[in-house]
Amino acid sequence: METVNPMPKDEADPVTDTASAQLRADLRTLAADLETLKADMTALGKNQVDRVKANVVGMDQSLGDQLSEKPLRTLAVTFAAGYLFAAITR
């Protein structure tokens, strides 16, 4: 399908040309803004992942320390949790 231009090239409408140029400039600005947003969101996500990993490592070390300090208490809590789980699922 062939597109027909109703205006000859030498009679181009200056208003349309200005609007087209403005639209192209707006699209370039939008594309740049989207790239910036993408980079910002990537950095934010990476920072959040790093924070969660650091928290998990800290909790793991804390749990390991508690298990080493109070092994009988840990065993009793584990036994009680297992007993309750068995009683509930029975």
PDB file of N, CA and C in Angstrom:
ATOM      1  N   MET A   1       0.842  -1.170   0.000  1.00  0.00           N
ATOM      2  CA  MET A   1       0.000   0.000   0.000  1.00  0.00           C
ATOM      3  C   MET A   1       0.891   1.238   0.000  1.00  0.00           C
ATOM      4  N   GLU A   2       0.649   2.106  -0.903  1.00  0.00           N
ATOM      5  CA  GLU A   2       1.482   3.291  -1.079  1.00  0.00           C
ATOM      6  C   GLU A   2       0.847   4.471  -0.349  1.00  0.00           C
ATOM      7  N   THR A   3       1.687   5.218   0.384  1.00  0.00           N
ATOM      8  CA  THR A   3       1.205   6.392   1.100  1.00  0.00           C
ATOM      9  C   THR A   3       1.254   7.590   0.168  1.00  0.00           C
ATOM     10  N   VAL A   4       0.193   8.355   0.178  1.00  0.00           N
ATOM     11  CA  VAL A   4       0.125   9.531  -0.684  1.00  0.00           C
ATOM     12  C   VAL A   4       0.271  10.758   0.198  1.00  0.00           C
ATOM     13  N   ASN A   5       1.217  11.607  -0.146  1.00  0.00           N
ATOM     14  CA  ASN A   5       1.430  12.848   0.584  1.00  0.00           C
ATOM     15  C   ASN A   5       0.562  13.921  -0.070  1.00  0.00           C
ATOM     16  N   PRO A   6      -0.429  14.475   0.654  1.00  0.00           N
ATOM     17  CA  PRO A   6      -1.319  15.455   0.032  1.00  0.00           C
ATOM     18  C   PRO A   6      -0.634  16.777  -0.285  1.00  0.00           C
ATOM     19  N   MET A   7       0.469  17.084   0.370  1.00  0.00           N
ATOM     20  CA  MET A   7       1.163  18.347   0.114  1.00  0.00           C
ATOM     21  C   MET A   7       2.458  18.080  -0.641  1.00  0.00           C
ATOM     22  N   PRO A   8       2.695  18.844  -1.654  1.00  0.00           N
ATOM     23  CA  PRO A   8       3.990  18.714  -2.327  1.00  0.00           C
ATOM     24  C   PRO A   8       5.109  19.161  -1.396  1.00  0.00           C
ATOM     25  N   LYS A   9       6.313  18.696  -1.664  1.00  0.00           N
ATOM     26  CA  LYS A   9       7.456  18.991  -0.804  1.00  0.00           C
ATOM     27  C   LYS A   9       7.746  20.488  -0.718  1.00  0.00           C
ATOM     28  N   ASP A  10       7.529  21.211  -1.792  1.00  0.00           N
ATOM     29  CA  ASP A  10       7.854  22.634  -1.776  1.00  0.00           C
ATOM     30  C   ASP A  10       6.813  23.469  -1.033  1.00  0.00           C
ATOM     31  N   GLU A  11       5.650  22.887  -0.724  1.00  0.00           N
ATOM     32  CA  GLU A  11       4.606  23.607  -0.002  1.00  0.00           C
ATOM     33  C   GLU A  11       4.407  23.032   1.399  1.00  0.00           C
ATOM     34  N   ALA A  12       5.442  22.622   2.057  1.00  0.00           N
ATOM     35  CA  ALA A  12       5.330  22.032   3.388  1.00  0.00           C
ATOM     36  C   ALA A  12       4.813  23.067   4.374  1.00  0.00           C
ATOM     37  N   ASP A  13       3.990  22.597   5.305  1.00  0.00           N
ATOM     38  CA  ASP A  13       3.384  23.461   6.320  1.00  0.00           C
ATOM     39  C   ASP A  13       4.388  23.704   7.444  1.00  0.00           C
ATOM     40  N   PRO A  14       4.752  24.956   7.731  1.00  0.00           N
ATOM     41  CA  PRO A  14       5.728  25.229   8.789  1.00  0.00           C
ATOM     42  C   PRO A  14       5.230  24.806  10.166  1.00  0.00           C
ATOM     43  N   VAL A  15       3.922  24.864  10.391  1.00  0.00           N
ATOM     44  CA  VAL A  15       3.365  24.443  11.682  1.00  0.00           C
ATOM     45  C   VAL A  15       3.561  22.945  11.864  1.00  0.00           C
ATOM     46  N   THR A  16       3.298  22.179  10.823  1.00  0.00           N
ATOM     47  CA  THR A  16       3.472  20.730  10.883  1.00  0.00           C
ATOM     48  C   THR A  16       4.938  20.375  11.074  1.00  0.00           C
ATOM     49  N   ASP A  17       5.820  21.074  10.373  1.00  0.00           N
ATOM     50  CA  ASP A  17       7.255  20.819  10.524  1.00  0.00           C
ATOM     51  C   ASP A  17       7.712  21.106  11.949  1.00  0.00           C
ATOM     52  N   THR A  18       7.226  22.199  12.516  1.00  0.00           N
ATOM     53  CA  THR A  18       7.596  22.553  13.886  1.00  0.00           C
ATOM     54  C   THR A  18       7.056  21.516  14.865  1.00  0.00           C
ATOM     55  N   ALA A  19       5.818  21.093  14.649  1.00  0.00           N
ATOM     56  CA  ALA A  19       5.217  20.087  15.530  1.00  0.00           C
ATOM     57  C   ALA A  19       5.960  18.760  15.417  1.00  0.00           C
ATOM     58  N   SER A  20       6.334  18.388  14.204  1.00  0.00           N
ATOM     59  CA  SER A  20       7.082  17.142  14.006  1.00  0.00           C
ATOM     60  C   SER A  20       8.448  17.212  14.679  1.00  0.00           C
ATOM     61  N   ALA A  21       9.106  18.349  14.529  1.00  0.00           N
ATOM     62  CA  ALA A  21      10.421  18.511  15.159  1.00  0.00           C
ATOM     63  C   ALA A  21      10.292  18.461  16.680  1.00  0.00           C
ATOM     64  N   GLN A  22       9.250  19.088  17.208  1.00  0.00           N
ATOM     65  CA  GLN A  22       9.026  19.070  18.656  1.00  0.00           C
ATOM     66  C   GLN A  22       8.728  17.649  19.131  1.00  0.00           C
ATOM     67  N   LEU A  23       7.931  16.922  18.358  1.00  0.00           N
ATOM     68  CA  LEU A  23       7.606  15.540  18.711  1.00  0.00           C
ATOM     69  C   LEU A  23       8.857  14.671  18.703  1.00  0.00           C
ATOM     70  N   ARG A  24       9.710  14.841  17.701  1.00  0.00           N
ATOM     71  CA  ARG A  24      10.958  14.076  17.651  1.00  0.00           C
ATOM     72  C   ARG A  24      11.850  14.415  18.844  1.00  0.00           C
ATOM     73  N   ALA A  25      11.920  15.686  19.198  1.00  0.00           N
ATOM     74  CA  ALA A  25      12.726  16.100  20.357  1.00  0.00           C
ATOM     75  C   ALA A  25      12.157  15.507  21.644  1.00  0.00           C
ATOM     76  N   ASP A  26      10.828  15.510  21.754  1.00  0.00           N
ATOM     77  CA  ASP A  26      10.190  14.925  22.941  1.00  0.00           C
ATOM     78  C   ASP A  26      10.454  13.423  23.024  1.00  0.00           C
ATOM     79  N   LEU A  27      10.419  12.750  21.891  1.00  0.00           N
ATOM     80  CA  LEU A  27      10.689  11.309  21.880  1.00  0.00           C
ATOM     81  C   LEU A  27      12.137  11.014  22.266  1.00  0.00           C
ATOM     82  N   ARG A  28      13.069  11.843  21.797  1.00  0.00           N
ATOM     83  CA  ARG A  28      14.473  11.661  22.192  1.00  0.00           C
ATOM     84  C   ARG A  28      14.637  11.879  23.693  1.00  0.00           C
ATOM     85  N   THR A  29      13.974  12.901  24.215  1.00  0.00           N
ATOM     86  CA  THR A  29      14.035  13.171  25.658  1.00  0.00           C
ATOM     87  C   THR A  29      13.432  12.016  26.442  1.00  0.00           C
ATOM     88  N   LEU A  30      12.305  11.502  25.965  1.00  0.00           N
ATOM     89  CA  LEU A  30      11.657  10.375  26.630  1.00  0.00           C
ATOM     90  C   LEU A  30      12.553   9.143  26.621  1.00  0.00           C
ATOM     91  N   ALA A  31      13.184   8.874  25.500  1.00  0.00           N
ATOM     92  CA  ALA A  31      14.090   7.723  25.412  1.00  0.00           C
ATOM     93  C   ALA A  31      15.259   7.881  26.383  1.00  0.00           C
ATOM     94  N   ALA A  32      15.803   9.082  26.476  1.00  0.00           N
ATOM     95  CA  ALA A  32      16.908   9.327  27.417  1.00  0.00           C
ATOM     96  C   ALA A  32      16.435   9.171  28.858  1.00  0.00           C
ATOM     97  N   ASP A  33      15.240   9.666  29.144  1.00  0.00           N
ATOM     98  CA  ASP A  33      14.688   9.524  30.496  1.00  0.00           C
ATOM     99  C   ASP A  33      14.457   8.057  30.853  1.00  0.00           C
ATOM    100  N   LEU A  34      13.980   7.282  29.892  1.00  0.00           N
ATOM    101  CA  LEU A  34      13.765   5.853  30.138  1.00  0.00           C
ATOM    102  C   LEU A  34      15.081   5.128  30.403  1.00  0.00           C
ATOM    103  N   GLU A  35      16.119   5.487  29.674  1.00  0.00           N
ATOM    104  CA  GLU A  35      17.435   4.883  29.908  1.00  0.00           C
ATOM    105  C   GLU A  35      17.951   5.234  31.302  1.00  0.00           C
ATOM    106  N   THR A  36      17.752   6.487  31.707  1.00  0.00           N
ATOM    107  CA  THR A  36      18.170   6.911  33.046  1.00  0.00           C
ATOM    108  C   THR A  36      17.382   6.160  34.108  1.00  0.00           C
ATOM    109  N   LEU A  37      16.076   6.032  33.899  1.00  0.00           N
ATOM    110  CA  LEU A  37      15.232   5.297  34.840  1.00  0.00           C
ATOM    111  C   LEU A  37      15.659   3.837  34.934  1.00  0.00           C
ATOM    112  N   LYS A  38      15.963   3.244  33.804  1.00  0.00           N
ATOM    113  CA  LYS A  38      16.417   1.849  33.776  1.00  0.00           C
ATOM    114  C   LYS A  38      17.705   1.689  34.579  1.00  0.00           C
ATOM    115  N   ALA A  39      18.643   2.601  34.378  1.00  0.00           N
ATOM    116  CA  ALA A  39      19.915   2.535  35.108  1.00  0.00           C
ATOM    117  C   ALA A  39      19.697   2.738  36.606  1.00  0.00           C
ATOM    118  N   ASP A  40      18.826   3.683  36.960  1.00  0.00           N
ATOM    119  CA  ASP A  40      18.546   3.932  38.376  1.00  0.00           C
ATOM    120  C   ASP A  40      17.881   2.727  39.036  1.00  0.00           C
ATOM    121  N   MET A  41      16.919   2.118  38.349  1.00  0.00           N
ATOM    122  CA  MET A  41      16.221   0.958  38.908  1.00  0.00           C
ATOM    123  C   MET A  41      17.165  -0.236  39.028  1.00  0.00           C
ATOM    124  N   THR A  42      18.058  -0.398  38.075  1.00  0.00           N
ATOM    125  CA  THR A  42      19.043  -1.477  38.149  1.00  0.00           C
ATOM    126  C   THR A  42      19.954  -1.285  39.350  1.00  0.00           C
ATOM    127  N   ALA A  43      20.418  -0.066  39.550  1.00  0.00           N
ATOM    128  CA  ALA A  43      21.289   0.223  40.695  1.00  0.00           C
ATOM    129  C   ALA A  43      20.543   0.025  42.008  1.00  0.00           C
ATOM    130  N   LEU A  44      19.291   0.464  42.059  1.00  0.00           N
ATOM    131  CA  LEU A  44      18.491   0.298  43.273  1.00  0.00           C
ATOM    132  C   LEU A  44      18.278  -1.179  43.579  1.00  0.00           C
ATOM    133  N   GLY A  45      17.938  -1.959  42.566  1.00  0.00           N
ATOM    134  CA  GLY A  45      17.743  -3.395  42.762  1.00  0.00           C
ATOM    135  C   GLY A  45      19.019  -4.073  43.229  1.00  0.00           C
ATOM    136  N   LYS A  46      20.135  -3.677  42.652  1.00  0.00           N
ATOM    137  CA  LYS A  46      21.416  -4.264  43.046  1.00  0.00           C
ATOM    138  C   LYS A  46      21.739  -3.926  44.497  1.00  0.00           C
ATOM    139  N   ASN A  47      21.478  -2.675  44.900  1.00  0.00           N
ATOM    140  CA  ASN A  47      21.714  -2.282  46.292  1.00  0.00           C
ATOM    141  C   ASN A  47      20.829  -3.068  47.250  1.00  0.00           C
ATOM    142  N   GLN A  48      19.577  -3.275  46.876  1.00  0.00           N
ATOM    143  CA  GLN A  48      18.665  -4.033  47.736  1.00  0.00           C
ATOM    144  C   GLN A  48      19.130  -5.484  47.866  1.00  0.00           C
ATOM    145  N   VAL A  49      19.567  -6.077  46.779  1.00  0.00           N
ATOM    146  CA  VAL A  49      20.064  -7.456  46.823  1.00  0.00           C
ATOM    147  C   VAL A  49      21.290  -7.544  47.723  1.00  0.00           C
ATOM    148  N   ASP A  50      22.186  -6.580  47.602  1.00  0.00           N
ATOM    149  CA  ASP A  50      23.383  -6.574  48.447  1.00  0.00           C
ATOM    150  C   ASP A  50      23.020  -6.449  49.921  1.00  0.00           C
ATOM    151  N   ARG A  51      22.038  -5.597  50.234  1.00  0.00           N
ATOM    152  CA  ARG A  51      21.611  -5.437  51.633  1.00  0.00           C
ATOM    153  C   ARG A  51      20.999  -6.722  52.175  1.00  0.00           C
ATOM    154  N   VAL A  52      20.161  -7.373  51.378  1.00  0.00           N
ATOM    155  CA  VAL A  52      19.533  -8.621  51.818  1.00  0.00           C
ATOM    156  C   VAL A  52      20.590  -9.695  52.031  1.00  0.00           C
ATOM    157  N   LYS A  53      21.549  -9.783  51.122  1.00  0.00           N
ATOM    158  CA  LYS A  53      22.621 -10.771  51.285  1.00  0.00           C
ATOM    159  C   LYS A  53      23.408 -10.514  52.563  1.00  0.00           C
ATOM    160  N   ALA A  54      23.701  -9.257  52.846  1.00  0.00           N
ATOM    161  CA  ALA A  54      24.438  -8.917  54.066  1.00  0.00           C
ATOM    162  C   ALA A  54      23.621  -9.283  55.304  1.00  0.00           C
ATOM    163  N   ASN A  55      22.314  -9.040  55.268  1.00  0.00           N
ATOM    164  CA  ASN A  55      21.458  -9.403  56.400  1.00  0.00           C
ATOM    165  C   ASN A  55      21.403 -10.912  56.599  1.00  0.00           C
ATOM    166  N   VAL A  56      21.328 -11.658  55.509  1.00  0.00           N
ATOM    167  CA  VAL A  56      21.279 -13.120  55.611  1.00  0.00           C
ATOM    168  C   VAL A  56      22.576 -13.651  56.204  1.00  0.00           C
ATOM    169  N   VAL A  57      23.693 -13.117  55.765  1.00  0.00           N
ATOM    170  CA  VAL A  57      24.984 -13.546  56.308  1.00  0.00           C
ATOM    171  C   VAL A  57      25.051 -13.222  57.795  1.00  0.00           C
ATOM    172  N   GLY A  58      24.587 -12.039  58.172  1.00  0.00           N
ATOM    173  CA  GLY A  58      24.585 -11.654  59.583  1.00  0.00           C
ATOM    174  C   GLY A  58      23.697 -12.557  60.422  1.00  0.00           C
ATOM    175  N   MET A  59      22.506 -12.890  59.913  1.00  0.00           N
ATOM    176  CA  MET A  59      21.608 -13.786  60.651  1.00  0.00           C
ATOM    177  C   MET A  59      22.203 -15.181  60.747  1.00  0.00           C
ATOM    178  N   ASP A  60      22.843 -15.635  59.679  1.00  0.00           N
ATOM    179  CA  ASP A  60      23.465 -16.959  59.693  1.00  0.00           C
ATOM    180  C   ASP A  60      24.555 -17.029  60.760  1.00  0.00           C
ATOM    181  N   GLN A  61      25.376 -16.004  60.830  1.00  0.00           N
ATOM    182  CA  GLN A  61      26.434 -15.978  61.843  1.00  0.00           C
ATOM    183  C   GLN A  61      25.842 -15.901  63.243  1.00  0.00           C
ATOM    184  N   SER A  62      24.796 -15.105  63.414  1.00  0.00           N
ATOM    185  CA  SER A  62      24.141 -14.965  64.716  1.00  0.00           C
ATOM    186  C   SER A  62      23.524 -16.291  65.148  1.00  0.00           C
ATOM    187  N   LEU A  63      22.863 -16.970  64.230  1.00  0.00           N
ATOM    188  CA  LEU A  63      22.257 -18.259  64.546  1.00  0.00           C
ATOM    189  C   LEU A  63      23.328 -19.282  64.898  1.00  0.00           C
ATOM    190  N   GLY A  64      24.413 -19.278  64.155  1.00  0.00           N
ATOM    191  CA  GLY A  64      25.516 -20.195  64.457  1.00  0.00           C
ATOM    192  C   GLY A  64      26.101 -19.936  65.832  1.00  0.00           C
ATOM    193  N   ASP A  65      26.226 -18.665  66.199  1.00  0.00           N
ATOM    194  CA  ASP A  65      26.732 -18.322  67.533  1.00  0.00           C
ATOM    195  C   ASP A  65      25.777 -18.792  68.621  1.00  0.00           C
ATOM    196  N   GLN A  66      24.476 -18.607  68.413  1.00  0.00           N
ATOM    197  CA  GLN A  66      23.491 -19.036  69.404  1.00  0.00           C
ATOM    198  C   GLN A  66      23.489 -20.551  69.551  1.00  0.00           C
ATOM    199  N   LEU A  67      23.630 -21.264  68.448  1.00  0.00           N
ATOM    200  CA  LEU A  67      23.673 -22.724  68.524  1.00  0.00           C
ATOM    201  C   LEU A  67      24.897 -23.193  69.300  1.00  0.00           C
ATOM    202  N   SER A  68      25.995 -22.513  69.121  1.00  0.00           N
ATOM    203  CA  SER A  68      27.219 -22.888  69.827  1.00  0.00           C
ATOM    204  C   SER A  68      27.145 -22.546  71.308  1.00  0.00           C
ATOM    205  N   GLU A  69      26.506 -21.424  71.645  1.00  0.00           N
ATOM    206  CA  GLU A  69      26.442 -20.990  73.037  1.00  0.00           C
ATOM    207  C   GLU A  69      25.453 -21.807  73.857  1.00  0.00           C
ATOM    208  N   LYS A  70      24.304 -22.151  73.283  1.00  0.00           N
ATOM    209  CA  LYS A  70      23.248 -22.835  74.038  1.00  0.00           C
ATOM    210  C   LYS A  70      22.722 -24.037  73.248  1.00  0.00           C
ATOM    211  N   PRO A  71      23.499 -25.108  73.167  1.00  0.00           N
ATOM    212  CA  PRO A  71      23.073 -26.248  72.348  1.00  0.00           C
ATOM    213  C   PRO A  71      21.864 -26.988  72.930  1.00  0.00           C
ATOM    214  N   LEU A  72      21.759 -27.079  74.259  1.00  0.00           N
ATOM    215  CA  LEU A  72      20.622 -27.790  74.849  1.00  0.00           C
ATOM    216  C   LEU A  72      19.319 -27.027  74.626  1.00  0.00           C
ATOM    217  N   ARG A  73      19.376 -25.739  74.758  1.00  0.00           N
ATOM    218  CA  ARG A  73      18.181 -24.925  74.510  1.00  0.00           C
ATOM    219  C   ARG A  73      17.750 -25.072  73.057  1.00  0.00           C
ATOM    220  N   THR A  74      18.691 -25.051  72.145  1.00  0.00           N
ATOM    221  CA  THR A  74      18.392 -25.214  70.725  1.00  0.00           C
ATOM    222  C   THR A  74      17.759 -26.570  70.458  1.00  0.00           C
ATOM    223  N   LEU A  75      18.290 -27.604  71.086  1.00  0.00           N
ATOM    224  CA  LEU A  75      17.740 -28.949  70.936  1.00  0.00           C
ATOM    225  C   LEU A  75      16.319 -29.011  71.475  1.00  0.00           C
ATOM    226  N   ALA A  76      16.058 -28.387  72.633  1.00  0.00           N
ATOM    227  CA  ALA A  76      14.720 -28.392  73.231  1.00  0.00           C
ATOM    228  C   ALA A  76      13.720 -27.652  72.340  1.00  0.00           C
ATOM    229  N   VAL A  77      14.120 -26.514  71.801  1.00  0.00           N
ATOM    230  CA  VAL A  77      13.225 -25.754  70.921  1.00  0.00           C
ATOM    231  C   VAL A  77      12.929 -26.551  69.660  1.00  0.00           C
ATOM    232  N   THR A  78      13.920 -27.195  69.100  1.00  0.00           N
ATOM    233  CA  THR A  78      13.729 -28.012  67.906  1.00  0.00           C
ATOM    234  C   THR A  78      12.791 -29.176  68.187  1.00  0.00           C
ATOM    235  N   PHE A  79      12.974 -29.825  69.322  1.00  0.00           N
ATOM    236  CA  PHE A  79      12.107 -30.943  69.704  1.00  0.00           C
ATOM    237  C   PHE A  79      10.667 -30.465  69.871  1.00  0.00           C
ATOM    238  N   ALA A  80      10.477 -29.340  70.556  1.00  0.00           N
ATOM    239  CA  ALA A  80       9.131 -28.814  70.780  1.00  0.00           C
ATOM    240  C   ALA A  80       8.459 -28.446  69.457  1.00  0.00           C
ATOM    241  N   ALA A  81       9.193 -27.827  68.562  1.00  0.00           N
ATOM    242  CA  ALA A  81       8.629 -27.460  67.265  1.00  0.00           C
ATOM    243  C   ALA A  81       8.238 -28.707  66.476  1.00  0.00           C
ATOM    244  N   GLY A  82       9.066 -29.723  66.501  1.00  0.00           N
ATOM    245  CA  GLY A  82       8.747 -30.979  65.822  1.00  0.00           C
ATOM    246  C   GLY A  82       7.528 -31.654  66.418  1.00  0.00           C
ATOM    247  N   TYR A  83       7.428 -31.639  67.742  1.00  0.00           N
ATOM    248  CA  TYR A  83       6.281 -32.247  68.428  1.00  0.00           C
ATOM    249  C   TYR A  83       4.991 -31.514  68.044  1.00  0.00           C
ATOM    250  N   LEU A  84       5.024 -30.183  68.074  1.00  0.00           N
ATOM    251  CA  LEU A  84       3.840 -29.403  67.702  1.00  0.00           C
ATOM    252  C   LEU A  84       3.457 -29.635  66.242  1.00  0.00           C
ATOM    253  N   PHE A  85       4.428 -29.695  65.367  1.00  0.00           N
ATOM    254  CA  PHE A  85       4.154 -29.947  63.957  1.00  0.00           C
ATOM    255  C   PHE A  85       3.506 -31.315  63.777  1.00  0.00           C
ATOM    256  N   ALA A  86       4.020 -32.330  64.484  1.00  0.00           N
ATOM    257  CA  ALA A  86       3.454 -33.680  64.389  1.00  0.00           C
ATOM    258  C   ALA A  86       2.039 -33.713  64.947  1.00  0.00           C
ATOM    259  N   ALA A  87       1.796 -33.004  66.049  1.00  0.00           N
ATOM    260  CA  ALA A  87       0.463 -32.995  66.651  1.00  0.00           C
ATOM    261  C   ALA A  87      -0.548 -32.288  65.743  1.00  0.00           C
ATOM    262  N   ILE A  88      -0.128 -31.238  65.091  1.00  0.00           N
ATOM    263  CA  ILE A  88      -1.042 -30.484  64.225  1.00  0.00           C
ATOM    264  C   ILE A  88      -1.372 -31.262  62.958  1.00  0.00           C
ATOM    265  N   THR A  89      -0.399 -31.930  62.377  1.00  0.00           N
ATOM    266  CA  THR A  89      -0.615 -32.635  61.107  1.00  0.00           C
ATOM    267  C   THR A  89      -1.219 -34.018  61.289  1.00  0.00           C
ATOM    268  N   ARG A  90      -1.404 -34.446  62.491  1.00  0.00           N
ATOM    269  CA  ARG A  90      -1.954 -35.775  62.766  1.00  0.00           C
ATOM    270  C   ARG A  90      -3.402 -35.883  62.518  1.00  0.00           C
TER     271      ARG A  90
END
